[in-house]
Amino acid sequence: MDALTLSILTVSGVVTILLFTVRGILDQLPDLLAAWHRVKRAFRDQEPNGE
């Protein structure tokens, strides 16, 4: 019974850490996408006229 309790606590701890990490990544995603669009726009604006 002790092994079952320890396993449940271990799994719940791992799930908690995983959810915390995924939430952190998802929180940064909008800023990352905005920065990517700014980079693409900057490269597009550097193209010579006429091409």
Protein backbone atom coordinates (compact mmCIF):
# COMPACT_ATOMS: atom_id res chain seq x y z
CA MET A 1 0.00 0.00 0.00
CA ASP A 2 2.89 2.35 0.74
CA ALA A 3 4.30 1.74 -2.74
CA LEU A 4 0.97 2.66 -4.31
CA THR A 5 0.78 5.91 -2.33
CA LEU A 6 4.36 6.78 -3.22
CA SER A 7 3.68 6.06 -6.89
CA ILE A 8 0.59 8.27 -6.89
CA LEU A 9 2.50 11.12 -5.24
CA THR A 10 5.37 10.73 -7.72
CA VAL A 11 3.08 10.77 -10.74
CA SER A 12 1.16 13.79 -9.46
CA GLY A 13 4.43 15.64 -8.83
CA VAL A 14 5.68 14.91 -12.35
CA VAL A 15 2.35 15.99 -13.86
CA THR A 16 2.45 19.22 -11.85
CA ILE A 17 5.96 20.05 -13.03
CA LEU A 18 5.02 19.18 -16.62
CA LEU A 19 1.95 21.44 -16.51
CA PHE A 20 3.99 24.28 -14.99
CA THR A 21 6.58 23.96 -17.76
CA VAL A 22 4.00 23.79 -20.55
CA ARG A 23 2.20 26.84 -19.15
CA GLY A 24 5.47 28.78 -19.08
CA ILE A 25 6.19 27.91 -22.70
CA LEU A 26 2.66 28.81 -23.79
CA ASP A 27 2.87 32.14 -21.95
CA GLN A 28 5.98 33.03 -23.99
CA LEU A 29 4.55 31.90 -27.31
CA PRO A 30 2.72 35.14 -28.28
CA ASP A 31 5.86 37.23 -27.73
CA LEU A 32 7.93 34.73 -29.69
CA LEU A 33 5.51 34.80 -32.62
CA ALA A 34 5.41 38.60 -32.60
CA ALA A 35 9.21 38.73 -32.65
CA TRP A 36 9.27 36.25 -35.54
CA HIS A 37 6.87 38.43 -37.55
CA ARG A 38 9.04 41.50 -36.84
CA VAL A 39 12.10 39.64 -38.13
CA LYS A 40 10.30 38.55 -41.29
CA ARG A 41 9.03 42.11 -41.84
CA ALA A 42 12.53 43.54 -41.36
CA PHE A 43 14.01 41.16 -43.94
CA ARG A 44 11.16 41.90 -46.35
CA ASP A 45 11.74 45.65 -45.99
CA GLN A 46 15.45 45.23 -46.75
CA GLU A 47 14.79 43.76 -50.20
CA PRO A 48 15.85 46.08 -53.03
CA ASN A 49 13.05 47.89 -54.83
CA GLY A 50 11.95 46.36 -58.10
CA GLU A 51 12.29 42.73 -57.01
